[in-house]
Amino acid sequence: MSENPNPIELQKHLGGLDYPVSKEDVVRRAEESGADGTVLEALRGLPEKTFEKPTDVTEAVFGG
């Protein structure tokens, strides 16, 4: 299992998203912002669902 990204780094790459968003939108935004492999791997592992707010993404990545 790979390590989780830093939560601040994660949210930095998701700035500018208009919620609610899909998993695909989250991953696309992170790719466009130049997220590193750790962040992208974590986001690609998210469940296929709609995220209502930024903390929903963080909780899904970190199991909060």
C-alpha atoms as a PDB file:
ATOM      1  CA  MET A   1       0.000   0.000   0.000  1.00  0.00           C
ATOM      2  CA  SER A   2       1.353   3.393  -0.930  1.00  0.00           C
ATOM      3  CA  GLU A   3       1.441   6.338   1.416  1.00  0.00           C
ATOM      4  CA  ASN A   4      -1.309   8.928   1.546  1.00  0.00           C
ATOM      5  CA  PRO A   5      -0.646  12.427   0.240  1.00  0.00           C
ATOM      6  CA  ASN A   6      -0.456  15.405   2.554  1.00  0.00           C
ATOM      7  CA  PRO A   7      -4.023  16.743   3.096  1.00  0.00           C
ATOM      8  CA  ILE A   8      -2.934  20.309   2.391  1.00  0.00           C
ATOM      9  CA  GLU A   9      -1.212  19.240  -0.827  1.00  0.00           C
ATOM     10  CA  LEU A  10      -4.336  17.320  -1.814  1.00  0.00           C
ATOM     11  CA  GLN A  11      -6.645  20.309  -1.373  1.00  0.00           C
ATOM     12  CA  LYS A  12      -4.165  22.614  -3.111  1.00  0.00           C
ATOM     13  CA  HIS A  13      -4.627  20.601  -6.291  1.00  0.00           C
ATOM     14  CA  LEU A  14      -8.407  20.664  -6.001  1.00  0.00           C
ATOM     15  CA  GLY A  15      -8.740  24.439  -5.715  1.00  0.00           C
ATOM     16  CA  GLY A  16     -11.213  25.999  -8.084  1.00  0.00           C
ATOM     17  CA  LEU A  17     -13.588  23.042  -8.271  1.00  0.00           C
ATOM     18  CA  ASP A  18     -17.278  23.893  -8.119  1.00  0.00           C
ATOM     19  CA  TYR A  19     -18.955  21.346  -5.873  1.00  0.00           C
ATOM     20  CA  PRO A  20     -20.733  18.985  -6.120  1.00  0.00           C
ATOM     21  CA  VAL A  21     -18.285  17.130  -8.366  1.00  0.00           C
ATOM     22  CA  SER A  22     -17.762  13.605  -9.657  1.00  0.00           C
ATOM     23  CA  LYS A  23     -14.696  11.469  -9.075  1.00  0.00           C
ATOM     24  CA  GLU A  24     -13.735  12.094 -12.704  1.00  0.00           C
ATOM     25  CA  ASP A  25     -13.865  15.872 -12.161  1.00  0.00           C
ATOM     26  CA  VAL A  26     -11.688  15.561  -9.055  1.00  0.00           C
ATOM     27  CA  VAL A  27      -9.048  13.484 -10.851  1.00  0.00           C
ATOM     28  CA  ARG A  28      -9.105  15.750 -13.933  1.00  0.00           C
ATOM     29  CA  ARG A  29      -8.615  18.883 -11.811  1.00  0.00           C
ATOM     30  CA  ALA A  30      -5.691  17.325  -9.965  1.00  0.00           C
ATOM     31  CA  GLU A  31      -4.074  16.272 -13.265  1.00  0.00           C
ATOM     32  CA  GLU A  32      -4.524  19.773 -14.704  1.00  0.00           C
ATOM     33  CA  SER A  33      -2.959  21.357 -11.626  1.00  0.00           C
ATOM     34  CA  GLY A  34       0.156  19.183 -11.840  1.00  0.00           C
ATOM     35  CA  ALA A  35      -0.494  16.893  -8.878  1.00  0.00           C
ATOM     36  CA  ASP A  36       2.207  14.323  -8.216  1.00  0.00           C
ATOM     37  CA  GLY A  37       1.771  10.566  -8.448  1.00  0.00           C
ATOM     38  CA  THR A  38       0.894  10.125  -4.778  1.00  0.00           C
ATOM     39  CA  VAL A  39      -2.011  12.559  -4.999  1.00  0.00           C
ATOM     40  CA  LEU A  40      -3.246  11.170  -8.313  1.00  0.00           C
ATOM     41  CA  GLU A  41      -3.055   7.572  -7.115  1.00  0.00           C
ATOM     42  CA  ALA A  42      -5.086   8.440  -4.012  1.00  0.00           C
ATOM     43  CA  LEU A  43      -7.732  10.267  -6.046  1.00  0.00           C
ATOM     44  CA  ARG A  44      -7.997   7.524  -8.660  1.00  0.00           C
ATOM     45  CA  GLY A  45      -8.786   5.150  -5.796  1.00  0.00           C
ATOM     46  CA  LEU A  46     -11.835   7.167  -4.717  1.00  0.00           C
ATOM     47  CA  PRO A  47     -15.270   5.567  -4.953  1.00  0.00           C
ATOM     48  CA  GLU A  48     -17.461   6.422  -7.935  1.00  0.00           C
ATOM     49  CA  LYS A  49     -19.719   8.996  -6.313  1.00  0.00           C
ATOM     50  CA  THR A  50     -20.552  12.673  -6.154  1.00  0.00           C
ATOM     51  CA  PHE A  51     -18.603  14.727  -3.637  1.00  0.00           C
ATOM     52  CA  GLU A  52     -20.643  17.546  -2.114  1.00  0.00           C
ATOM     53  CA  LYS A  53     -17.774  19.544  -0.587  1.00  0.00           C
ATOM     54  CA  PRO A  54     -13.956  19.518  -0.328  1.00  0.00           C
ATOM     55  CA  THR A  55     -13.990  17.730   3.014  1.00  0.00           C
ATOM     56  CA  ASP A  56     -15.900  14.834   1.409  1.00  0.00           C
ATOM     57  CA  VAL A  57     -12.895  14.225  -0.841  1.00  0.00           C
ATOM     58  CA  THR A  58     -10.457  14.479   2.067  1.00  0.00           C
ATOM     59  CA  GLU A  59     -12.511  12.056   4.172  1.00  0.00           C
ATOM     60  CA  ALA A  60     -12.727   9.576   1.293  1.00  0.00           C
ATOM     61  CA  VAL A  61      -8.932   9.652   0.815  1.00  0.00           C
ATOM     62  CA  PHE A  62      -7.989   9.504   4.496  1.00  0.00           C
ATOM     63  CA  GLY A  63     -10.874   7.453   5.843  1.00  0.00           C
ATOM     64  CA  GLY A  64     -12.095  10.239   8.117  1.00  0.00           C
END
